[in-house]
Amino acid sequence: MKEVMNSRILRNLPREKAFYFFISIGNYTGKSAASLKEFLEKINEVNAKSLEFHLYRGDFEKWIAETIEDKELAEHIKNLRDLSPTGEDLKSGLYRVVFRRYSELTSMF
């Protein structure tokens, strides 16, 4: 049962359900992620300002909880947001949180 849930979280999404990174409203970075693995990769590619924009609007939590369907990771991201990181601290913190969860999920296969 847990393997089925994990494979669901790790699946590739259709492009219309991908996460699109913006720096501000209407200011698209050209980067998107259609899976948790791709999201992890993009954290290091996008500008920290984009990560700040989405983190403090709750966009990451919402996409992870509702589209990726990983409530546990969404909660970890909320906890990170509560620490109010910015810039490189945010980038490394977010990467660490997502990497830890991704590693946990993939180690079960």
C-alpha atoms as a PDB file:
ATOM      1  CA  MET A   1       0.000   0.000   0.000  1.00  0.00           C
ATOM      2  CA  LYS A   2       2.799   2.404   0.935  1.00  0.00           C
ATOM      3  CA  GLU A   3       4.633   1.583  -2.317  1.00  0.00           C
ATOM      4  CA  VAL A   4       1.535   2.548  -4.311  1.00  0.00           C
ATOM      5  CA  MET A   5       1.303   5.865  -2.472  1.00  0.00           C
ATOM      6  CA  ASN A   6       5.021   6.520  -2.979  1.00  0.00           C
ATOM      7  CA  SER A   7       4.883   5.763  -6.691  1.00  0.00           C
ATOM      8  CA  ARG A   8       1.926   8.153  -6.944  1.00  0.00           C
ATOM      9  CA  ILE A   9       3.932  10.922  -5.251  1.00  0.00           C
ATOM     10  CA  LEU A  10       6.932  10.217  -7.508  1.00  0.00           C
ATOM     11  CA  ARG A  11       4.972  10.076 -10.798  1.00  0.00           C
ATOM     12  CA  ASN A  12       5.457  12.447 -13.721  1.00  0.00           C
ATOM     13  CA  LEU A  13       2.571  14.868 -14.092  1.00  0.00           C
ATOM     14  CA  PRO A  14       1.074  16.183 -17.314  1.00  0.00           C
ATOM     15  CA  ARG A  15       2.545  19.608 -18.192  1.00  0.00           C
ATOM     16  CA  GLU A  16      -0.671  21.436 -17.303  1.00  0.00           C
ATOM     17  CA  LYS A  17      -0.212  20.291 -13.693  1.00  0.00           C
ATOM     18  CA  ALA A  18       3.480  21.220 -13.540  1.00  0.00           C
ATOM     19  CA  PHE A  19       4.797  23.850 -11.149  1.00  0.00           C
ATOM     20  CA  TYR A  20       5.774  27.024 -13.015  1.00  0.00           C
ATOM     21  CA  PHE A  21       8.358  29.241 -11.337  1.00  0.00           C
ATOM     22  CA  PHE A  22       7.775  33.004 -11.339  1.00  0.00           C
ATOM     23  CA  ILE A  23       9.734  35.862  -9.755  1.00  0.00           C
ATOM     24  CA  SER A  24       6.585  37.964  -9.426  1.00  0.00           C
ATOM     25  CA  ILE A  25       3.053  37.951 -10.843  1.00  0.00           C
ATOM     26  CA  GLY A  26       3.380  37.617 -14.626  1.00  0.00           C
ATOM     27  CA  ASN A  27       7.197  37.353 -14.494  1.00  0.00           C
ATOM     28  CA  TYR A  28       7.833  33.715 -15.550  1.00  0.00           C
ATOM     29  CA  THR A  29      11.377  32.349 -15.130  1.00  0.00           C
ATOM     30  CA  GLY A  30      11.067  29.848 -17.986  1.00  0.00           C
ATOM     31  CA  LYS A  31      11.446  26.953 -15.506  1.00  0.00           C
ATOM     32  CA  SER A  32       8.852  24.379 -14.523  1.00  0.00           C
ATOM     33  CA  ALA A  33       8.697  21.002 -12.783  1.00  0.00           C
ATOM     34  CA  ALA A  34       6.361  18.125 -13.605  1.00  0.00           C
ATOM     35  CA  SER A  35       7.562  15.713 -10.897  1.00  0.00           C
ATOM     36  CA  LEU A  36       9.051  15.781  -7.443  1.00  0.00           C
ATOM     37  CA  LYS A  37      12.443  14.826  -8.934  1.00  0.00           C
ATOM     38  CA  GLU A  38      12.253  17.706 -11.419  1.00  0.00           C
ATOM     39  CA  PHE A  39      11.145  20.075  -8.646  1.00  0.00           C
ATOM     40  CA  LEU A  40      14.217  19.080  -6.629  1.00  0.00           C
ATOM     41  CA  GLU A  41      16.477  19.769  -9.633  1.00  0.00           C
ATOM     42  CA  LYS A  42      14.890  23.163 -10.346  1.00  0.00           C
ATOM     43  CA  ILE A  43      15.456  24.419  -6.780  1.00  0.00           C
ATOM     44  CA  ASN A  44      19.140  24.862  -7.638  1.00  0.00           C
ATOM     45  CA  GLU A  45      18.420  26.345 -11.080  1.00  0.00           C
ATOM     46  CA  VAL A  46      15.944  29.094 -10.290  1.00  0.00           C
ATOM     47  CA  ASN A  47      16.741  32.450  -8.747  1.00  0.00           C
ATOM     48  CA  ALA A  48      16.324  32.590  -4.971  1.00  0.00           C
ATOM     49  CA  LYS A  49      13.873  35.497  -5.500  1.00  0.00           C
ATOM     50  CA  SER A  50      11.537  33.049  -7.260  1.00  0.00           C
ATOM     51  CA  LEU A  51      11.783  30.623  -4.347  1.00  0.00           C
ATOM     52  CA  GLU A  52      11.012  33.450  -1.907  1.00  0.00           C
ATOM     53  CA  PHE A  53       8.047  34.585  -4.001  1.00  0.00           C
ATOM     54  CA  HIS A  54       6.474  31.111  -4.016  1.00  0.00           C
ATOM     55  CA  LEU A  55       7.399  30.060  -0.477  1.00  0.00           C
ATOM     56  CA  TYR A  56       5.803  33.068   1.195  1.00  0.00           C
ATOM     57  CA  ARG A  57       2.631  32.802  -0.901  1.00  0.00           C
ATOM     58  CA  GLY A  58       2.271  29.130   0.123  1.00  0.00           C
ATOM     59  CA  ASP A  59       2.522  28.011  -3.522  1.00  0.00           C
ATOM     60  CA  PHE A  60       4.975  25.156  -2.876  1.00  0.00           C
ATOM     61  CA  GLU A  61       2.900  23.720  -0.035  1.00  0.00           C
ATOM     62  CA  LYS A  62      -0.292  23.907  -2.072  1.00  0.00           C
ATOM     63  CA  TRP A  63       1.219  22.260  -5.177  1.00  0.00           C
ATOM     64  CA  ILE A  64       2.985  19.550  -3.151  1.00  0.00           C
ATOM     65  CA  ALA A  65      -0.115  18.776  -1.051  1.00  0.00           C
ATOM     66  CA  GLU A  66      -2.767  18.971  -3.774  1.00  0.00           C
ATOM     67  CA  THR A  67      -1.021  18.058  -7.024  1.00  0.00           C
ATOM     68  CA  ILE A  68       1.914  15.874  -5.950  1.00  0.00           C
ATOM     69  CA  GLU A  69      -0.288  14.576  -3.096  1.00  0.00           C
ATOM     70  CA  ASP A  70       2.415  14.520  -0.434  1.00  0.00           C
ATOM     71  CA  LYS A  71       0.962  16.105   2.700  1.00  0.00           C
ATOM     72  CA  GLU A  72       4.054  15.175   4.733  1.00  0.00           C
ATOM     73  CA  LEU A  73       6.430  17.118   2.473  1.00  0.00           C
ATOM     74  CA  ALA A  74       3.988  20.047   2.356  1.00  0.00           C
ATOM     75  CA  GLU A  75       4.139  20.166   6.156  1.00  0.00           C
ATOM     76  CA  HIS A  76       7.965  20.154   6.113  1.00  0.00           C
ATOM     77  CA  ILE A  77       7.914  23.074   3.669  1.00  0.00           C
ATOM     78  CA  LYS A  78       5.481  24.967   5.893  1.00  0.00           C
ATOM     79  CA  ASN A  79       7.855  24.419   8.835  1.00  0.00           C
ATOM     80  CA  LEU A  80      10.710  25.788   6.725  1.00  0.00           C
ATOM     81  CA  ARG A  81       8.631  28.846   5.818  1.00  0.00           C
ATOM     82  CA  ASP A  82       8.010  29.489   9.520  1.00  0.00           C
ATOM     83  CA  LEU A  83      11.810  29.947   9.906  1.00  0.00           C
ATOM     84  CA  SER A  84      11.638  32.850   7.373  1.00  0.00           C
ATOM     85  CA  PRO A  85      14.714  31.941   5.302  1.00  0.00           C
ATOM     86  CA  THR A  86      15.759  34.076   2.324  1.00  0.00           C
ATOM     87  CA  GLY A  87      18.336  33.920  -0.464  1.00  0.00           C
ATOM     88  CA  GLU A  88      20.857  31.085  -0.366  1.00  0.00           C
ATOM     89  CA  ASP A  89      19.626  29.968   3.080  1.00  0.00           C
ATOM     90  CA  LEU A  90      16.196  29.395   1.568  1.00  0.00           C
ATOM     91  CA  LYS A  91      17.619  27.645  -1.489  1.00  0.00           C
ATOM     92  CA  SER A  92      19.754  25.237   0.556  1.00  0.00           C
ATOM     93  CA  GLY A  93      17.035  24.702   3.181  1.00  0.00           C
ATOM     94  CA  LEU A  94      14.348  23.945   0.614  1.00  0.00           C
ATOM     95  CA  TYR A  95      16.684  21.645  -1.298  1.00  0.00           C
ATOM     96  CA  ARG A  96      17.574  19.780   1.914  1.00  0.00           C
ATOM     97  CA  VAL A  97      13.903  19.314   2.911  1.00  0.00           C
ATOM     98  CA  VAL A  98      12.825  18.100  -0.546  1.00  0.00           C
ATOM     99  CA  PHE A  99      15.940  15.945  -1.024  1.00  0.00           C
ATOM    100  CA  ARG A 100      15.412  14.221   2.326  1.00  0.00           C
ATOM    101  CA  ARG A 101      11.800  13.390   1.462  1.00  0.00           C
ATOM    102  CA  TYR A 102      12.651  12.332  -2.098  1.00  0.00           C
ATOM    103  CA  SER A 103      15.408  10.024  -0.800  1.00  0.00           C
ATOM    104  CA  GLU A 104      13.000   8.545   1.753  1.00  0.00           C
ATOM    105  CA  LEU A 105      10.411   7.830  -0.953  1.00  0.00           C
ATOM    106  CA  THR A 106      12.844   6.378  -3.504  1.00  0.00           C
ATOM    107  CA  SER A 107      14.655   4.182  -0.972  1.00  0.00           C
ATOM    108  CA  MET A 108      11.515   2.044  -0.679  1.00  0.00           C
ATOM    109  CA  PHE A 109      11.775   0.748  -4.251  1.00  0.00           C
END
